[in-house]
Amino acid sequence: MDPITLAFYGAVCGLLAAFVPSASRAFRFALGVGVGLVAASLLPPLRTLAGL
């Protein structure tokens, strides 16, 4: 995994952990999956726009 990908997913996971409410494990898992899918779909266009 290259450093840009690692930093991007680290930031996404850190923000998710900071703002997730105290909820059931299933809700947190579903939220994590949803955020991960969005992050994975946004990274390629963001890298193209940044020229990386």
C-alpha atoms as a PDB file:
ATOM      1  CA  MET A   1       0.000   0.000   0.000  1.00  0.00           C
ATOM      2  CA  ASP A   2       1.453   3.339  -0.964  1.00  0.00           C
ATOM      3  CA  PRO A   3       1.738   6.203   1.577  1.00  0.00           C
ATOM      4  CA  ILE A   4      -1.053   8.304   0.046  1.00  0.00           C
ATOM      5  CA  THR A   5      -3.560   5.455   0.262  1.00  0.00           C
ATOM      6  CA  LEU A   6      -2.461   4.643   3.798  1.00  0.00           C
ATOM      7  CA  ALA A   7      -2.817   8.284   4.909  1.00  0.00           C
ATOM      8  CA  PHE A   8      -6.229   8.659   3.241  1.00  0.00           C
ATOM      9  CA  TYR A   9      -7.717   5.565   4.858  1.00  0.00           C
ATOM     10  CA  GLY A  10      -6.064   6.424   8.168  1.00  0.00           C
ATOM     11  CA  ALA A  11      -7.722   9.848   8.125  1.00  0.00           C
ATOM     12  CA  VAL A  12     -11.106   8.391   7.171  1.00  0.00           C
ATOM     13  CA  CYS A  13     -10.937   5.747   9.914  1.00  0.00           C
ATOM     14  CA  GLY A  14      -9.750   8.291  12.475  1.00  0.00           C
ATOM     15  CA  LEU A  15     -12.630  10.633  11.703  1.00  0.00           C
ATOM     16  CA  LEU A  16     -15.083   7.762  11.815  1.00  0.00           C
ATOM     17  CA  ALA A  17     -13.807   6.674  15.216  1.00  0.00           C
ATOM     18  CA  ALA A  18     -13.961  10.245  16.526  1.00  0.00           C
ATOM     19  CA  PHE A  19     -17.580  10.830  15.545  1.00  0.00           C
ATOM     20  CA  VAL A  20     -19.284   7.454  15.869  1.00  0.00           C
ATOM     21  CA  PRO A  21     -21.872   7.482  18.627  1.00  0.00           C
ATOM     22  CA  SER A  22     -22.118   4.892  21.320  1.00  0.00           C
ATOM     23  CA  ALA A  23     -24.240   2.396  19.471  1.00  0.00           C
ATOM     24  CA  SER A  24     -24.604  -1.288  18.839  1.00  0.00           C
ATOM     25  CA  ARG A  25     -21.781  -3.264  17.295  1.00  0.00           C
ATOM     26  CA  ALA A  26     -23.914  -3.988  14.214  1.00  0.00           C
ATOM     27  CA  PHE A  27     -24.573  -0.268  13.645  1.00  0.00           C
ATOM     28  CA  ARG A  28     -20.886   0.625  13.999  1.00  0.00           C
ATOM     29  CA  PHE A  29     -19.958  -2.193  11.621  1.00  0.00           C
ATOM     30  CA  ALA A  30     -22.521  -1.054   9.039  1.00  0.00           C
ATOM     31  CA  LEU A  31     -21.358   2.546   9.373  1.00  0.00           C
ATOM     32  CA  GLY A  32     -17.748   1.471   8.924  1.00  0.00           C
ATOM     33  CA  VAL A  33     -18.599  -0.537   5.818  1.00  0.00           C
ATOM     34  CA  GLY A  34     -20.524   2.393   4.357  1.00  0.00           C
ATOM     35  CA  VAL A  35     -17.760   4.896   5.034  1.00  0.00           C
ATOM     36  CA  GLY A  36     -15.169   2.476   3.667  1.00  0.00           C
ATOM     37  CA  LEU A  37     -17.106   2.036   0.438  1.00  0.00           C
ATOM     38  CA  VAL A  38     -17.474   5.783  -0.002  1.00  0.00           C
ATOM     39  CA  ALA A  39     -13.791   6.348   0.779  1.00  0.00           C
ATOM     40  CA  ALA A  40     -12.718   3.632  -1.649  1.00  0.00           C
ATOM     41  CA  SER A  41     -14.860   5.143  -4.401  1.00  0.00           C
ATOM     42  CA  LEU A  42     -13.582   8.695  -3.782  1.00  0.00           C
ATOM     43  CA  LEU A  43      -9.852   8.003  -3.598  1.00  0.00           C
ATOM     44  CA  PRO A  44      -9.157   7.357  -7.325  1.00  0.00           C
ATOM     45  CA  PRO A  45     -10.825  10.589  -8.533  1.00  0.00           C
ATOM     46  CA  LEU A  46      -9.143  12.591  -5.758  1.00  0.00           C
ATOM     47  CA  ARG A  47      -5.736  11.203  -6.720  1.00  0.00           C
ATOM     48  CA  THR A  48      -6.390  12.087 -10.374  1.00  0.00           C
ATOM     49  CA  LEU A  49      -7.403  15.630  -9.467  1.00  0.00           C
ATOM     50  CA  ALA A  50      -4.298  16.024  -7.302  1.00  0.00           C
ATOM     51  CA  GLY A  51      -2.086  14.607 -10.041  1.00  0.00           C
ATOM     52  CA  LEU A  52      -0.761  11.796  -7.859  1.00  0.00           C
END
